[in-house]
Every structure is written in C-alpha cells, then in structure tokens.
C-alpha atoms as a PDB file:
ATOM      1  CA  MET A   1      -0.027  -0.095   0.029  1.00  0.00           C
ATOM      2  CA  ALA A   2       1.357   3.405  -0.947  1.00  0.00           C
ATOM      3  CA  ILE A   3       2.201   5.952   1.713  1.00  0.00           C
ATOM      4  CA  LYS A   4      -0.025   9.036   1.306  1.00  0.00           C
ATOM      5  CA  VAL A   5       1.976  12.361   1.556  1.00  0.00           C
ATOM      6  CA  PHE A   6      -0.012  15.443   2.300  1.00  0.00           C
ATOM      7  CA  PHE A   7       1.668  18.627   1.239  1.00  0.00           C
ATOM      8  CA  ASN A   8       0.884  22.262   0.502  1.00  0.00           C
ATOM      9  CA  ASN A   9       1.247  22.798  -3.356  1.00  0.00           C
ATOM     10  CA  SER A  10       0.361  26.552  -2.816  1.00  0.00           C
ATOM     11  CA  CYS A  11       3.607  27.013  -0.986  1.00  0.00           C
ATOM     12  CA  SER A  12       6.371  27.641  -3.572  1.00  0.00           C
ATOM     13  CA  ILE A  13       9.171  26.200  -1.325  1.00  0.00           C
ATOM     14  CA  CYS A  14       7.101  23.169  -0.453  1.00  0.00           C
ATOM     15  CA  ARG A  15       6.036  22.548  -4.108  1.00  0.00           C
ATOM     16  CA  LEU A  16       9.717  22.853  -5.209  1.00  0.00           C
ATOM     17  CA  GLU A  17      10.913  20.144  -2.821  1.00  0.00           C
ATOM     18  CA  ILE A  18       7.884  17.841  -3.297  1.00  0.00           C
ATOM     19  CA  ASN A  19       8.113  18.070  -7.099  1.00  0.00           C
ATOM     20  CA  HIS A  20      11.701  17.005  -6.801  1.00  0.00           C
ATOM     21  CA  TYR A  21      10.706  13.976  -4.725  1.00  0.00           C
ATOM     22  CA  LYS A  22       7.884  13.144  -7.156  1.00  0.00           C
ATOM     23  CA  LYS A  23      10.468  12.981 -10.018  1.00  0.00           C
ATOM     24  CA  ILE A  24      12.694  10.490  -8.249  1.00  0.00           C
ATOM     25  CA  SER A  25      10.166   8.399  -6.305  1.00  0.00           C
ATOM     26  CA  ASP A  26       8.063   5.377  -7.470  1.00  0.00           C
ATOM     27  CA  SER A  27       4.440   4.415  -6.889  1.00  0.00           C
ATOM     28  CA  ASN A  28       5.069   3.682  -3.192  1.00  0.00           C
ATOM     29  CA  LEU A  29       4.365   7.381  -2.425  1.00  0.00           C
ATOM     30  CA  GLU A  30       1.039   9.042  -3.298  1.00  0.00           C
ATOM     31  CA  TRP A  31       1.241  12.763  -3.328  1.00  0.00           C
ATOM     32  CA  ILE A  32      -1.835  14.659  -2.076  1.00  0.00           C
ATOM     33  CA  ASP A  33      -2.146  18.474  -2.288  1.00  0.00           C
ATOM     34  CA  ILE A  34      -3.965  19.857   0.729  1.00  0.00           C
ATOM     35  CA  THR A  35      -4.931  23.064  -0.890  1.00  0.00           C
ATOM     36  CA  ASN A  36      -8.700  23.376  -0.780  1.00  0.00           C
ATOM     37  CA  ASN A  37      -8.945  19.669  -0.284  1.00  0.00           C
ATOM     38  CA  GLU A  38     -11.737  18.560   2.106  1.00  0.00           C
ATOM     39  CA  GLU A  39     -10.775  14.921   1.495  1.00  0.00           C
ATOM     40  CA  ALA A  40      -7.329  15.529   2.966  1.00  0.00           C
ATOM     41  CA  LEU A  41      -9.099  16.706   6.185  1.00  0.00           C
ATOM     42  CA  LYS A  42     -11.153  13.524   6.308  1.00  0.00           C
ATOM     43  CA  PHE A  43      -8.237  11.235   5.520  1.00  0.00           C
ATOM     44  CA  THR A  44      -5.936  12.670   8.229  1.00  0.00           C
ATOM     45  CA  SER A  45      -8.511  13.883  10.778  1.00  0.00           C
ATOM     46  CA  LYS A  46      -6.476  17.028  10.946  1.00  0.00           C
ATOM     47  CA  SER A  47      -7.691  20.588  10.689  1.00  0.00           C
ATOM     48  CA  GLN A  48      -6.758  22.808   7.759  1.00  0.00           C
ATOM     49  CA  GLU A  49      -4.453  24.712   9.997  1.00  0.00           C
ATOM     50  CA  GLU A  50      -2.624  21.546  11.162  1.00  0.00           C
ATOM     51  CA  LEU A  51      -2.164  20.311   7.632  1.00  0.00           C
ATOM     52  CA  LEU A  52      -0.950  23.714   6.481  1.00  0.00           C
ATOM     53  CA  ARG A  53       1.457  23.884   9.460  1.00  0.00           C
ATOM     54  CA  ARG A  54       3.314  20.610   8.742  1.00  0.00           C
ATOM     55  CA  LEU A  55       3.880  18.002   6.086  1.00  0.00           C
ATOM     56  CA  HIS A  56       1.952  14.770   6.945  1.00  0.00           C
ATOM     57  CA  VAL A  57       1.965  11.246   5.815  1.00  0.00           C
ATOM     58  CA  ILE A  58      -0.210   8.206   6.414  1.00  0.00           C
ATOM     59  CA  GLU A  59       1.684   4.954   6.670  1.00  0.00           C
ATOM     60  CA  ASN A  60      -0.215   1.723   7.653  1.00  0.00           C
ATOM     61  CA  GLY A  61      -3.091   3.765   8.718  1.00  0.00           C
ATOM     62  CA  ARG A  62      -1.140   5.991  11.051  1.00  0.00           C
ATOM     63  CA  VAL A  63      -0.891   9.777  10.501  1.00  0.00           C
ATOM     64  CA  THR A  64       2.599  11.239  11.181  1.00  0.00           C
ATOM     65  CA  GLY A  65       3.683  14.842  10.729  1.00  0.00           C
ATOM     66  CA  GLY A  66       6.709  16.994  10.732  1.00  0.00           C
ATOM     67  CA  ALA A  67      10.225  15.733  10.790  1.00  0.00           C
ATOM     68  CA  LYS A  68       9.101  12.122  11.241  1.00  0.00           C
ATOM     69  CA  ALA A  69       7.150  12.435   8.027  1.00  0.00           C
ATOM     70  CA  PHE A  70      10.246  13.433   6.139  1.00  0.00           C
ATOM     71  CA  ILE A  71      12.194  10.474   7.525  1.00  0.00           C
ATOM     72  CA  ILE A  72       9.365   8.160   6.279  1.00  0.00           C
ATOM     73  CA  ILE A  73       9.451   9.760   2.811  1.00  0.00           C
ATOM     74  CA  TRP A  74      13.253   9.610   2.579  1.00  0.00           C
ATOM     75  CA  SER A  75      13.252   5.972   3.681  1.00  0.00           C
ATOM     76  CA  LYS A  76      11.064   5.203   0.538  1.00  0.00           C
ATOM     77  CA  ILE A  77      13.378   7.066  -1.909  1.00  0.00           C
ATOM     78  CA  PRO A  78      16.603   5.133  -2.540  1.00  0.00           C
ATOM     79  CA  LYS A  79      18.552   8.350  -3.386  1.00  0.00           C
ATOM     80  CA  TYR A  80      17.594   9.828   0.081  1.00  0.00           C
ATOM     81  CA  ASN A  81      17.552   6.610   2.190  1.00  0.00           C
ATOM     82  CA  PHE A  82      20.790   7.731   3.766  1.00  0.00           C
ATOM     83  CA  LEU A  83      19.161  10.837   5.084  1.00  0.00           C
ATOM     84  CA  ALA A  84      16.457   8.786   6.802  1.00  0.00           C
ATOM     85  CA  LYS A  85      19.259   6.611   8.494  1.00  0.00           C
ATOM     86  CA  ILE A  86      21.248   9.689   9.551  1.00  0.00           C
ATOM     87  CA  PHE A  87      18.384  11.769  10.889  1.00  0.00           C
ATOM     88  CA  SER A  88      16.900   8.802  12.679  1.00  0.00           C
ATOM     89  CA  ILE A  89      19.797   8.850  15.114  1.00  0.00           C
ATOM     90  CA  LYS A  90      18.382  10.334  18.257  1.00  0.00           C
ATOM     91  CA  PRO A  91      20.574  13.507  18.758  1.00  0.00           C
ATOM     92  CA  LEU A  92      20.353  14.319  15.010  1.00  0.00           C
ATOM     93  CA  PHE A  93      16.695  13.646  14.973  1.00  0.00           C
ATOM     94  CA  ILE A  94      16.098  16.173  17.867  1.00  0.00           C
ATOM     95  CA  LEU A  95      18.104  18.779  16.047  1.00  0.00           C
ATOM     96  CA  PHE A  96      16.272  18.154  12.774  1.00  0.00           C
ATOM     97  CA  HIS A  97      12.890  18.229  14.574  1.00  0.00           C
ATOM     98  CA  TYR A  98      13.606  21.672  15.951  1.00  0.00           C
ATOM     99  CA  VAL A  99      15.099  23.147  12.746  1.00  0.00           C
ATOM    100  CA  TYR A 100      12.088  21.724  10.766  1.00  0.00           C
ATOM    101  CA  GLU A 101       9.654  23.264  13.221  1.00  0.00           C
ATOM    102  CA  ILE A 102      11.181  26.680  12.963  1.00  0.00           C
ATOM    103  CA  VAL A 103      11.265  26.521   9.106  1.00  0.00           C
ATOM    104  CA  ALA A 104       7.752  25.149   8.942  1.00  0.00           C
ATOM    105  CA  TYR A 105       6.462  27.840  11.294  1.00  0.00           C
ATOM    106  CA  PHE A 106       7.806  30.649   9.041  1.00  0.00           C
ATOM    107  CA  LEU A 107       6.334  28.875   5.942  1.00  0.00           C
ATOM    108  CA  PHE A 108       3.082  28.604   7.728  1.00  0.00           C
ATOM    109  CA  LEU A 109       3.061  32.389   8.482  1.00  0.00           C
ATOM    110  CA  LYS A 110       3.786  32.987   4.789  1.00  0.00           C
ATOM    111  CA  ASN A 111       0.919  30.761   3.666  1.00  0.00           C
ATOM    112  CA  LYS A 112      -1.639  31.067   6.455  1.00  0.00           C
ATOM    113  CA  ASN A 113      -3.771  33.349   4.241  1.00  0.00           C
ATOM    114  CA  GLN A 114      -5.020  30.033   2.775  1.00  0.00           C
ATOM    115  CA  LEU A 115      -7.003  29.363   5.924  1.00  0.00           C
ATOM    116  CA  LYS A 116     -10.709  29.912   5.546  1.00  0.00           C
END
C-alpha cells in the first residue's frame, strides 16, 4: 500500500521540494495536495491549520507529521535513504525536529492566508 503524503502545493518552497521527490520516487508514495482539499481533512482527521502547518504522511493507517514524516518519505526514496538513516539517530533527529519546526512555522506564516 502506498504511503500518502499530504503537502501544500500552494507554498512555492514546499512545491519545489515535493516536485523533486515526485520525479525520483516510485508508486510507493502517493502525493496529495492539501490546498482546498476537504478529502485531506477527512483522511488525516487534521484541521486545515494543522495540515498547512506541517507535512503529513499516512503509513499503515497512522498519521505522522513534521520531521518524522520526512524520515518516512526519505526511507522510501533510494536516493535519500541515507538521510532517513542519519536523521533517525536520536541526537540528530532532535536537532532536525527543531530546525524543521522553525522553518515550517515561518512557511506557515507565509501561507496562512489560505485558511478559511
């Protein structure tokens, strides 16, 4: 079963990175744009603000967001599998988590006008 990746295609930075992953990944990742997507809210049981605030994935029926979501994505893309391994190491994961949260917060502020 494919991992569902919920991303904000309206964010230029997010779109750039996700489009790169789309080009090099296979069918084990399903890319779902959250922009004006009521189905994404139902699939994830997240609010529009929560989805806009962080990248999310659904793997084996479990919703995961933020830095852990990136590790899941990277683990499924051979070219980036090494990143999944490196950033899964506890001290590096903690650093990655906080850096991601800071960057994601500023991207959220930039794109929060999408909230209804």
